[in-house]
Amino acid sequence: MKFTSTIKVTGMKFSKGTMDNGQAFDSTKVFVETELDTSKDTAMGTATAEYGLGKAEEYQKYKHLAGSLPFMALAEIEIVTNGKTQKTVIHSLRPVDAVKTAAPGGKNVGA
């Protein structure tokens, strides 16, 4: 199932290399502010959840935003399953400009 959602990116990291046993690894992880499950009335607010975003080269596309963290982005997201478990994968991010707030008199602040 694919969909697009606006998310708040709080951090990113990449890993690339080879383990001692010779197995290669190559990934980028995105940390996203995510609502806690409030259905049992045992939690409230948000936490940061980790999602995959392809290979380590993806990190380089967003490295220039380091001083802008956290930032809002439109994310193309897919939920996939192997029949027993499911996971959420982010396929792409498109940072969005800060939302302009309306000032008294109907003028946009920051416009």
N, C-alpha and C. Protein backbone atom coordinates (compact mmCIF):
# COMPACT_ATOMS: atom_id res chain seq x y z
N MET A 1 0.86 -1.16 0.00
CA MET A 1 0.00 0.00 0.00
C MET A 1 0.91 1.23 0.00
N LYS A 2 0.74 2.09 -1.02
CA LYS A 2 1.53 3.32 -1.12
C LYS A 2 0.65 4.52 -0.84
N PHE A 3 1.24 5.52 -0.18
CA PHE A 3 0.53 6.76 0.08
C PHE A 3 1.54 7.87 0.32
N THR A 4 1.05 9.11 0.31
CA THR A 4 1.89 10.28 0.58
C THR A 4 1.42 10.91 1.87
N SER A 5 2.36 11.32 2.69
CA SER A 5 2.03 11.94 3.97
C SER A 5 3.04 13.04 4.28
N THR A 6 2.59 14.05 5.02
CA THR A 6 3.49 15.09 5.50
C THR A 6 4.06 14.63 6.83
N ILE A 7 5.38 14.61 6.94
CA ILE A 7 6.04 14.12 8.15
C ILE A 7 7.01 15.16 8.68
N LYS A 8 7.36 15.03 9.95
CA LYS A 8 8.37 15.88 10.57
C LYS A 8 9.63 15.05 10.76
N VAL A 9 10.68 15.38 9.99
CA VAL A 9 11.95 14.67 10.05
C VAL A 9 12.79 15.31 11.15
N THR A 10 13.17 14.50 12.15
CA THR A 10 13.97 15.01 13.26
C THR A 10 15.45 14.65 13.14
N GLY A 11 15.76 13.69 12.27
CA GLY A 11 17.15 13.31 12.08
C GLY A 11 17.30 12.28 10.98
N MET A 12 18.55 12.09 10.54
CA MET A 12 18.88 11.10 9.52
C MET A 12 20.28 10.57 9.79
N LYS A 13 20.52 9.32 9.37
CA LYS A 13 21.87 8.77 9.45
C LYS A 13 22.04 7.72 8.36
N PHE A 14 23.28 7.54 7.94
CA PHE A 14 23.54 6.48 6.97
C PHE A 14 24.62 5.55 7.51
N SER A 15 24.60 4.34 7.00
CA SER A 15 25.61 3.34 7.34
C SER A 15 26.01 2.63 6.06
N LYS A 16 27.31 2.47 5.88
CA LYS A 16 27.79 1.76 4.70
C LYS A 16 29.13 1.14 5.04
N GLY A 17 29.29 -0.10 4.67
CA GLY A 17 30.55 -0.77 4.93
C GLY A 17 30.41 -2.27 4.80
N THR A 18 31.37 -2.96 5.42
CA THR A 18 31.39 -4.42 5.39
C THR A 18 31.63 -4.92 6.80
N MET A 19 30.82 -5.89 7.21
CA MET A 19 30.99 -6.49 8.53
C MET A 19 32.18 -7.44 8.52
N ASP A 20 32.61 -7.87 9.70
CA ASP A 20 33.75 -8.77 9.83
C ASP A 20 33.57 -10.06 9.05
N ASN A 21 32.31 -10.50 8.89
CA ASN A 21 32.05 -11.76 8.17
C ASN A 21 31.98 -11.56 6.65
N GLY A 22 32.23 -10.31 6.18
CA GLY A 22 32.23 -10.03 4.75
C GLY A 22 30.91 -9.55 4.18
N GLN A 23 29.86 -9.54 5.00
CA GLN A 23 28.55 -9.09 4.52
C GLN A 23 28.51 -7.57 4.44
N ALA A 24 28.08 -7.07 3.29
CA ALA A 24 28.01 -5.63 3.08
C ALA A 24 26.71 -5.06 3.65
N PHE A 25 26.78 -3.80 4.10
CA PHE A 25 25.57 -3.09 4.53
C PHE A 25 25.60 -1.69 3.93
N ASP A 26 24.41 -1.17 3.63
CA ASP A 26 24.29 0.10 2.93
C ASP A 26 22.86 0.61 3.11
N SER A 27 22.67 1.61 3.99
CA SER A 27 21.31 2.08 4.24
C SER A 27 21.30 3.50 4.78
N THR A 28 20.14 4.15 4.63
CA THR A 28 19.86 5.43 5.25
C THR A 28 18.63 5.26 6.11
N LYS A 29 18.67 5.79 7.31
CA LYS A 29 17.54 5.76 8.23
C LYS A 29 17.06 7.19 8.47
N VAL A 30 15.76 7.34 8.54
CA VAL A 30 15.13 8.64 8.79
C VAL A 30 14.39 8.53 10.11
N PHE A 31 14.56 9.52 10.97
CA PHE A 31 13.87 9.56 12.25
C PHE A 31 12.73 10.55 12.14
N VAL A 32 11.52 10.06 12.41
CA VAL A 32 10.29 10.82 12.16
C VAL A 32 9.48 10.93 13.45
N GLU A 33 9.00 12.15 13.73
CA GLU A 33 8.12 12.34 14.89
C GLU A 33 6.82 11.58 14.60
N THR A 34 6.46 10.67 15.52
CA THR A 34 5.33 9.77 15.32
C THR A 34 4.46 9.77 16.56
N GLU A 35 3.15 9.83 16.36
CA GLU A 35 2.20 9.81 17.48
C GLU A 35 2.29 8.49 18.24
N LEU A 36 2.26 8.56 19.55
CA LEU A 36 2.20 7.36 20.38
C LEU A 36 0.78 6.80 20.34
N ASP A 37 0.66 5.49 20.57
CA ASP A 37 -0.64 4.82 20.59
C ASP A 37 -1.37 5.19 21.87
N THR A 38 -2.45 5.92 21.74
CA THR A 38 -3.23 6.37 22.90
C THR A 38 -4.47 5.51 23.14
N SER A 39 -4.64 4.43 22.37
CA SER A 39 -5.86 3.64 22.44
C SER A 39 -6.10 2.98 23.80
N LYS A 40 -5.04 2.71 24.56
CA LYS A 40 -5.19 2.07 25.87
C LYS A 40 -5.06 3.06 27.01
N ASP A 41 -4.96 4.35 26.67
CA ASP A 41 -4.84 5.42 27.66
C ASP A 41 -3.62 5.23 28.57
N THR A 42 -2.53 4.69 27.97
CA THR A 42 -1.29 4.51 28.74
C THR A 42 -0.14 5.34 28.16
N ALA A 43 -0.43 6.12 27.13
CA ALA A 43 0.61 6.95 26.51
C ALA A 43 -0.03 8.19 25.92
N MET A 44 0.80 9.24 25.77
CA MET A 44 0.33 10.45 25.11
C MET A 44 1.52 11.14 24.48
N GLY A 45 1.26 11.94 23.45
CA GLY A 45 2.31 12.70 22.81
C GLY A 45 2.95 11.98 21.64
N THR A 46 4.23 12.29 21.44
CA THR A 46 4.95 11.74 20.29
C THR A 46 6.29 11.15 20.71
N ALA A 47 6.81 10.34 19.83
CA ALA A 47 8.15 9.78 19.98
C ALA A 47 8.79 9.82 18.60
N THR A 48 10.05 9.48 18.52
CA THR A 48 10.73 9.42 17.24
C THR A 48 10.86 7.97 16.82
N ALA A 49 10.39 7.67 15.60
CA ALA A 49 10.48 6.31 15.07
C ALA A 49 11.45 6.31 13.89
N GLU A 50 12.11 5.19 13.69
CA GLU A 50 13.11 5.04 12.64
C GLU A 50 12.50 4.30 11.45
N TYR A 51 12.72 4.85 10.24
CA TYR A 51 12.23 4.25 9.01
C TYR A 51 13.37 4.18 8.01
N GLY A 52 13.34 3.18 7.15
CA GLY A 52 14.34 3.05 6.10
C GLY A 52 14.06 3.99 4.94
N LEU A 53 15.15 4.49 4.32
CA LEU A 53 15.06 5.35 3.13
C LEU A 53 16.15 4.94 2.15
N GLY A 54 16.15 3.71 1.73
CA GLY A 54 17.08 3.27 0.70
C GLY A 54 18.52 3.18 1.15
N LYS A 55 19.41 3.39 0.19
CA LYS A 55 20.85 3.21 0.42
C LYS A 55 21.50 4.48 0.98
N ALA A 56 22.75 4.38 1.36
CA ALA A 56 23.49 5.48 1.98
C ALA A 56 23.53 6.72 1.11
N GLU A 57 23.50 6.57 -0.20
CA GLU A 57 23.55 7.74 -1.10
C GLU A 57 22.35 8.67 -0.90
N GLU A 58 21.23 8.15 -0.40
CA GLU A 58 20.05 8.99 -0.14
C GLU A 58 20.36 10.09 0.88
N TYR A 59 21.17 9.76 1.87
CA TYR A 59 21.54 10.73 2.90
C TYR A 59 22.13 11.99 2.29
N GLN A 60 22.98 11.81 1.28
CA GLN A 60 23.67 12.95 0.66
C GLN A 60 22.70 13.96 0.05
N LYS A 61 21.53 13.51 -0.39
CA LYS A 61 20.54 14.40 -1.00
C LYS A 61 19.98 15.41 0.01
N TYR A 62 20.05 15.08 1.29
CA TYR A 62 19.44 15.91 2.33
C TYR A 62 20.46 16.49 3.30
N LYS A 63 21.73 16.21 3.10
CA LYS A 63 22.79 16.65 4.01
C LYS A 63 22.79 18.17 4.19
N HIS A 64 22.46 18.92 3.15
CA HIS A 64 22.44 20.38 3.23
C HIS A 64 21.37 20.91 4.17
N LEU A 65 20.44 20.06 4.60
CA LEU A 65 19.37 20.48 5.50
C LEU A 65 19.72 20.30 6.97
N ALA A 66 20.95 19.93 7.27
CA ALA A 66 21.35 19.65 8.66
C ALA A 66 21.04 20.81 9.59
N GLY A 67 21.24 22.04 9.14
CA GLY A 67 20.96 23.21 9.97
C GLY A 67 19.49 23.53 10.07
N SER A 68 18.65 22.84 9.30
CA SER A 68 17.21 23.10 9.28
C SER A 68 16.41 22.06 10.06
N LEU A 69 17.10 21.12 10.71
CA LEU A 69 16.38 20.08 11.47
C LEU A 69 15.69 20.67 12.68
N PRO A 70 14.54 20.20 13.04
CA PRO A 70 13.71 19.30 12.24
C PRO A 70 13.10 20.05 11.06
N PHE A 71 12.70 19.29 10.01
CA PHE A 71 12.04 19.91 8.88
C PHE A 71 10.83 19.07 8.46
N MET A 72 9.87 19.71 7.84
CA MET A 72 8.68 19.04 7.34
C MET A 72 8.95 18.57 5.91
N ALA A 73 8.39 17.42 5.56
CA ALA A 73 8.60 16.88 4.22
C ALA A 73 7.38 16.10 3.78
N LEU A 74 7.16 16.09 2.47
CA LEU A 74 6.18 15.19 1.89
C LEU A 74 6.91 13.88 1.63
N ALA A 75 6.37 12.80 2.15
CA ALA A 75 7.03 11.51 2.03
C ALA A 75 6.16 10.54 1.24
N GLU A 76 6.79 9.84 0.31
CA GLU A 76 6.12 8.74 -0.38
C GLU A 76 6.42 7.49 0.45
N ILE A 77 5.38 6.91 1.01
CA ILE A 77 5.52 5.84 1.99
C ILE A 77 4.84 4.58 1.46
N GLU A 78 5.40 3.43 1.80
CA GLU A 78 4.77 2.16 1.44
C GLU A 78 4.80 1.23 2.64
N ILE A 79 3.70 0.55 2.87
CA ILE A 79 3.63 -0.49 3.89
C ILE A 79 3.70 -1.82 3.15
N VAL A 80 4.69 -2.64 3.53
CA VAL A 80 4.89 -3.94 2.89
C VAL A 80 4.86 -5.04 3.94
N THR A 81 4.59 -6.26 3.49
CA THR A 81 4.53 -7.39 4.41
C THR A 81 5.13 -8.63 3.76
N ASN A 82 5.57 -9.55 4.61
CA ASN A 82 6.02 -10.85 4.13
C ASN A 82 4.95 -11.91 4.41
N GLY A 83 3.78 -11.46 4.87
CA GLY A 83 2.68 -12.36 5.20
C GLY A 83 2.52 -12.54 6.70
N LYS A 84 3.58 -12.26 7.45
CA LYS A 84 3.52 -12.38 8.91
C LYS A 84 3.74 -11.05 9.60
N THR A 85 4.70 -10.30 9.13
CA THR A 85 4.99 -9.01 9.73
C THR A 85 4.94 -7.93 8.64
N GLN A 86 4.74 -6.71 9.08
CA GLN A 86 4.75 -5.61 8.11
C GLN A 86 5.77 -4.57 8.53
N LYS A 87 6.22 -3.79 7.55
CA LYS A 87 7.12 -2.69 7.85
C LYS A 87 6.76 -1.52 6.95
N THR A 88 7.16 -0.34 7.41
CA THR A 88 6.91 0.89 6.68
C THR A 88 8.22 1.36 6.08
N VAL A 89 8.19 1.66 4.78
CA VAL A 89 9.38 2.11 4.06
C VAL A 89 9.09 3.47 3.46
N ILE A 90 10.02 4.39 3.60
CA ILE A 90 9.91 5.69 2.95
C ILE A 90 10.71 5.62 1.65
N HIS A 91 10.04 5.90 0.52
CA HIS A 91 10.71 5.84 -0.78
C HIS A 91 11.33 7.17 -1.18
N SER A 92 10.71 8.27 -0.79
CA SER A 92 11.27 9.57 -1.15
C SER A 92 10.79 10.64 -0.18
N LEU A 93 11.58 11.68 -0.07
CA LEU A 93 11.24 12.85 0.75
C LEU A 93 11.32 14.09 -0.12
N ARG A 94 10.38 14.99 0.09
CA ARG A 94 10.43 16.29 -0.57
C ARG A 94 10.21 17.35 0.50
N PRO A 95 11.31 17.97 0.97
CA PRO A 95 11.17 19.01 2.01
C PRO A 95 10.21 20.10 1.54
N VAL A 96 9.40 20.57 2.49
CA VAL A 96 8.45 21.64 2.18
C VAL A 96 8.84 22.89 2.94
N ASP A 97 8.51 24.04 2.36
CA ASP A 97 8.79 25.32 3.02
C ASP A 97 7.99 25.42 4.30
N ALA A 98 8.52 26.20 5.22
CA ALA A 98 7.80 26.45 6.48
C ALA A 98 6.42 27.03 6.15
N VAL A 99 5.44 26.62 6.89
CA VAL A 99 4.08 27.11 6.69
C VAL A 99 4.03 28.58 7.02
N LYS A 100 3.48 29.36 6.13
CA LYS A 100 3.35 30.80 6.37
C LYS A 100 2.14 31.04 7.26
N THR A 101 2.34 31.83 8.28
CA THR A 101 1.24 32.11 9.20
C THR A 101 0.63 33.45 8.87
N ALA A 102 -0.67 33.52 9.04
CA ALA A 102 -1.38 34.77 8.72
C ALA A 102 -1.22 35.77 9.84
N ALA A 103 -0.87 36.99 9.51
CA ALA A 103 -0.75 38.08 10.48
C ALA A 103 -2.05 38.85 10.49
N PRO A 104 -2.28 39.66 11.53
CA PRO A 104 -3.49 40.49 11.55
C PRO A 104 -3.55 41.33 10.28
N GLY A 105 -4.74 41.47 9.74
CA GLY A 105 -4.92 42.25 8.52
C GLY A 105 -4.82 41.39 7.27
N GLY A 106 -4.63 40.06 7.45
CA GLY A 106 -4.63 39.15 6.31
C GLY A 106 -3.32 39.05 5.56
N LYS A 107 -2.26 39.69 6.04
CA LYS A 107 -0.95 39.60 5.34
C LYS A 107 -0.20 38.37 5.86
N ASN A 108 0.51 37.73 4.97
CA ASN A 108 1.30 36.56 5.34
C ASN A 108 2.63 36.98 5.96
N VAL A 109 2.95 36.40 7.09
CA VAL A 109 4.25 36.65 7.72
C VAL A 109 5.27 35.85 6.96
N GLY A 110 6.38 36.46 6.64
CA GLY A 110 7.46 35.76 5.95
C GLY A 110 7.26 35.67 4.45
N ALA A 111 6.23 36.30 3.91
CA ALA A 111 5.99 36.22 2.47
C ALA A 111 6.85 37.21 1.73
